[in-house]
Amino acid sequence: MISYKPFYETLYKKGITEYNLIYKQGFSANTIYRIKKGEAISTKTLDALCYALDCEVSEIIKFEKE
């Protein structure tokens, strides 16, 4: 199962809010909603998040065995 827990830790570390991602970085509210609910996002979106947050993929998602 993919976990987005590192995403929220990265946002906290960098002092970036969801509001900033939506209104200043141009991410859709639906994307943030999908992350919050643990639903799938595209690799294109993952790439855009890495670019916007200046981080690695491992700082956004991680795999957890169930």
N, C-alpha and C. Protein backbone atom coordinates (compact mmCIF):
# COMPACT_ATOMS: atom_id res chain seq x y z
N MET A 1 0.84 -1.17 0.00
CA MET A 1 0.00 0.00 0.00
C MET A 1 0.89 1.24 0.00
N ILE A 2 0.53 2.20 -0.82
CA ILE A 2 1.27 3.46 -0.89
C ILE A 2 0.76 4.40 0.21
N SER A 3 1.71 4.99 0.93
CA SER A 3 1.39 5.94 1.99
C SER A 3 1.92 7.32 1.60
N TYR A 4 1.13 8.34 1.88
CA TYR A 4 1.54 9.72 1.62
C TYR A 4 2.01 10.42 2.88
N LYS A 5 2.26 9.67 3.93
CA LYS A 5 2.71 10.28 5.18
C LYS A 5 3.97 11.13 4.98
N PRO A 6 4.95 10.67 4.19
CA PRO A 6 6.13 11.53 3.98
C PRO A 6 5.80 12.87 3.32
N PHE A 7 4.73 12.91 2.52
CA PHE A 7 4.32 14.15 1.86
C PHE A 7 4.00 15.22 2.90
N TYR A 8 3.21 14.84 3.89
CA TYR A 8 2.83 15.82 4.91
C TYR A 8 4.01 16.19 5.81
N GLU A 9 4.92 15.25 6.04
CA GLU A 9 6.13 15.56 6.81
C GLU A 9 7.00 16.55 6.04
N THR A 10 7.10 16.37 4.72
CA THR A 10 7.88 17.27 3.88
C THR A 10 7.25 18.66 3.84
N LEU A 11 5.92 18.72 3.71
CA LEU A 11 5.25 20.03 3.74
C LEU A 11 5.57 20.75 5.05
N TYR A 12 5.48 20.04 6.16
CA TYR A 12 5.74 20.63 7.47
C TYR A 12 7.18 21.14 7.57
N LYS A 13 8.12 20.28 7.13
CA LYS A 13 9.54 20.65 7.19
C LYS A 13 9.85 21.89 6.38
N LYS A 14 9.21 22.01 5.24
CA LYS A 14 9.49 23.13 4.34
C LYS A 14 8.59 24.33 4.59
N GLY A 15 7.64 24.19 5.51
CA GLY A 15 6.76 25.30 5.84
C GLY A 15 5.78 25.65 4.72
N ILE A 16 5.36 24.65 3.96
CA ILE A 16 4.44 24.86 2.84
C ILE A 16 3.07 24.30 3.22
N THR A 17 2.03 25.04 2.89
CA THR A 17 0.68 24.59 3.21
C THR A 17 -0.01 24.02 1.97
N GLU A 18 -1.10 23.32 2.20
CA GLU A 18 -1.92 22.83 1.09
C GLU A 18 -2.46 24.02 0.30
N TYR A 19 -2.82 25.07 0.99
CA TYR A 19 -3.31 26.29 0.35
C TYR A 19 -2.28 26.80 -0.66
N ASN A 20 -1.03 26.84 -0.25
CA ASN A 20 0.05 27.29 -1.13
C ASN A 20 0.14 26.41 -2.37
N LEU A 21 0.04 25.11 -2.20
CA LEU A 21 0.12 24.20 -3.35
C LEU A 21 -1.02 24.44 -4.33
N ILE A 22 -2.20 24.70 -3.80
CA ILE A 22 -3.37 24.89 -4.66
C ILE A 22 -3.37 26.27 -5.32
N TYR A 23 -3.23 27.32 -4.54
CA TYR A 23 -3.42 28.67 -5.06
C TYR A 23 -2.16 29.33 -5.59
N LYS A 24 -0.99 28.88 -5.17
CA LYS A 24 0.23 29.52 -5.65
C LYS A 24 1.04 28.62 -6.57
N GLN A 25 0.96 27.31 -6.38
CA GLN A 25 1.71 26.38 -7.22
C GLN A 25 0.86 25.80 -8.35
N GLY A 26 -0.46 25.96 -8.26
CA GLY A 26 -1.33 25.53 -9.34
C GLY A 26 -1.81 24.09 -9.31
N PHE A 27 -1.65 23.40 -8.18
CA PHE A 27 -2.17 22.03 -8.08
C PHE A 27 -3.67 22.09 -7.84
N SER A 28 -4.38 21.10 -8.35
CA SER A 28 -5.83 21.10 -8.17
C SER A 28 -6.18 20.66 -6.75
N ALA A 29 -7.30 21.16 -6.28
CA ALA A 29 -7.79 20.76 -4.96
C ALA A 29 -8.10 19.27 -4.96
N ASN A 30 -8.50 18.74 -6.10
CA ASN A 30 -8.78 17.32 -6.21
C ASN A 30 -7.52 16.48 -5.98
N THR A 31 -6.40 16.95 -6.46
CA THR A 31 -5.13 16.24 -6.24
C THR A 31 -4.83 16.15 -4.75
N ILE A 32 -4.95 17.25 -4.06
CA ILE A 32 -4.69 17.27 -2.61
C ILE A 32 -5.70 16.38 -1.89
N TYR A 33 -6.95 16.42 -2.33
CA TYR A 33 -7.98 15.55 -1.75
C TYR A 33 -7.62 14.08 -1.93
N ARG A 34 -7.16 13.71 -3.13
CA ARG A 34 -6.79 12.31 -3.41
C ARG A 34 -5.62 11.87 -2.52
N ILE A 35 -4.65 12.75 -2.34
CA ILE A 35 -3.53 12.43 -1.47
C ILE A 35 -4.02 12.24 -0.04
N LYS A 36 -4.86 13.16 0.41
CA LYS A 36 -5.38 13.11 1.78
C LYS A 36 -6.15 11.81 2.05
N LYS A 37 -6.88 11.33 1.04
CA LYS A 37 -7.66 10.10 1.17
C LYS A 37 -6.86 8.84 0.84
N GLY A 38 -5.58 8.99 0.46
CA GLY A 38 -4.75 7.83 0.16
C GLY A 38 -5.05 7.20 -1.19
N GLU A 39 -5.64 7.97 -2.09
CA GLU A 39 -5.97 7.46 -3.41
C GLU A 39 -4.79 7.67 -4.36
N ALA A 40 -4.87 7.05 -5.53
CA ALA A 40 -3.79 7.10 -6.51
C ALA A 40 -3.65 8.48 -7.15
N ILE A 41 -2.40 8.85 -7.41
CA ILE A 41 -2.11 10.04 -8.23
C ILE A 41 -1.19 9.59 -9.35
N SER A 42 -1.13 10.35 -10.40
CA SER A 42 -0.31 9.96 -11.56
C SER A 42 1.17 10.23 -11.29
N THR A 43 2.01 9.58 -12.06
CA THR A 43 3.45 9.84 -11.94
C THR A 43 3.77 11.25 -12.41
N LYS A 44 2.97 11.79 -13.32
CA LYS A 44 3.16 13.17 -13.76
C LYS A 44 2.93 14.12 -12.59
N THR A 45 1.89 13.86 -11.81
CA THR A 45 1.61 14.68 -10.63
C THR A 45 2.71 14.51 -9.59
N LEU A 46 3.17 13.30 -9.42
CA LEU A 46 4.26 13.02 -8.49
C LEU A 46 5.52 13.79 -8.89
N ASP A 47 5.81 13.80 -10.19
CA ASP A 47 6.95 14.54 -10.71
C ASP A 47 6.79 16.04 -10.44
N ALA A 48 5.59 16.57 -10.67
CA ALA A 48 5.32 17.99 -10.44
C ALA A 48 5.47 18.34 -8.95
N LEU A 49 5.02 17.46 -8.08
CA LEU A 49 5.17 17.70 -6.64
C LEU A 49 6.64 17.71 -6.24
N CYS A 50 7.41 16.77 -6.78
CA CYS A 50 8.85 16.74 -6.48
C CYS A 50 9.52 18.03 -6.92
N TYR A 51 9.13 18.53 -8.08
CA TYR A 51 9.71 19.77 -8.59
C TYR A 51 9.30 20.96 -7.70
N ALA A 52 8.02 21.05 -7.38
CA ALA A 52 7.51 22.17 -6.58
C ALA A 52 8.09 22.18 -5.17
N LEU A 53 8.26 21.00 -4.59
CA LEU A 53 8.77 20.90 -3.23
C LEU A 53 10.29 20.74 -3.16
N ASP A 54 10.92 20.63 -4.35
CA ASP A 54 12.38 20.42 -4.43
C ASP A 54 12.81 19.25 -3.55
N CYS A 55 12.21 18.09 -3.85
CA CYS A 55 12.49 16.91 -3.03
C CYS A 55 12.51 15.64 -3.89
N GLU A 56 12.82 14.53 -3.27
CA GLU A 56 12.84 13.23 -3.92
C GLU A 56 11.47 12.55 -3.76
N VAL A 57 11.23 11.55 -4.59
CA VAL A 57 9.96 10.81 -4.54
C VAL A 57 9.76 10.20 -3.15
N SER A 58 10.83 9.73 -2.53
CA SER A 58 10.73 9.10 -1.21
C SER A 58 10.28 10.09 -0.13
N GLU A 59 10.33 11.38 -0.42
CA GLU A 59 9.86 12.38 0.53
C GLU A 59 8.38 12.70 0.32
N ILE A 60 7.74 11.99 -0.63
CA ILE A 60 6.32 12.18 -0.89
C ILE A 60 5.53 10.91 -0.65
N ILE A 61 6.07 9.79 -1.11
CA ILE A 61 5.37 8.51 -0.94
C ILE A 61 6.30 7.45 -0.36
N LYS A 62 5.71 6.43 0.22
CA LYS A 62 6.47 5.26 0.64
C LYS A 62 5.56 4.04 0.55
N PHE A 63 6.16 2.89 0.39
CA PHE A 63 5.40 1.64 0.30
C PHE A 63 5.37 0.99 1.66
N GLU A 64 4.18 0.61 2.10
CA GLU A 64 4.01 -0.09 3.37
C GLU A 64 3.32 -1.42 3.09
N LYS A 65 3.94 -2.50 3.57
CA LYS A 65 3.32 -3.81 3.43
C LYS A 65 2.14 -3.91 4.39
N GLU A 66 1.06 -4.50 3.92
CA GLU A 66 -0.13 -4.64 4.77
C GLU A 66 -0.07 -5.91 5.55
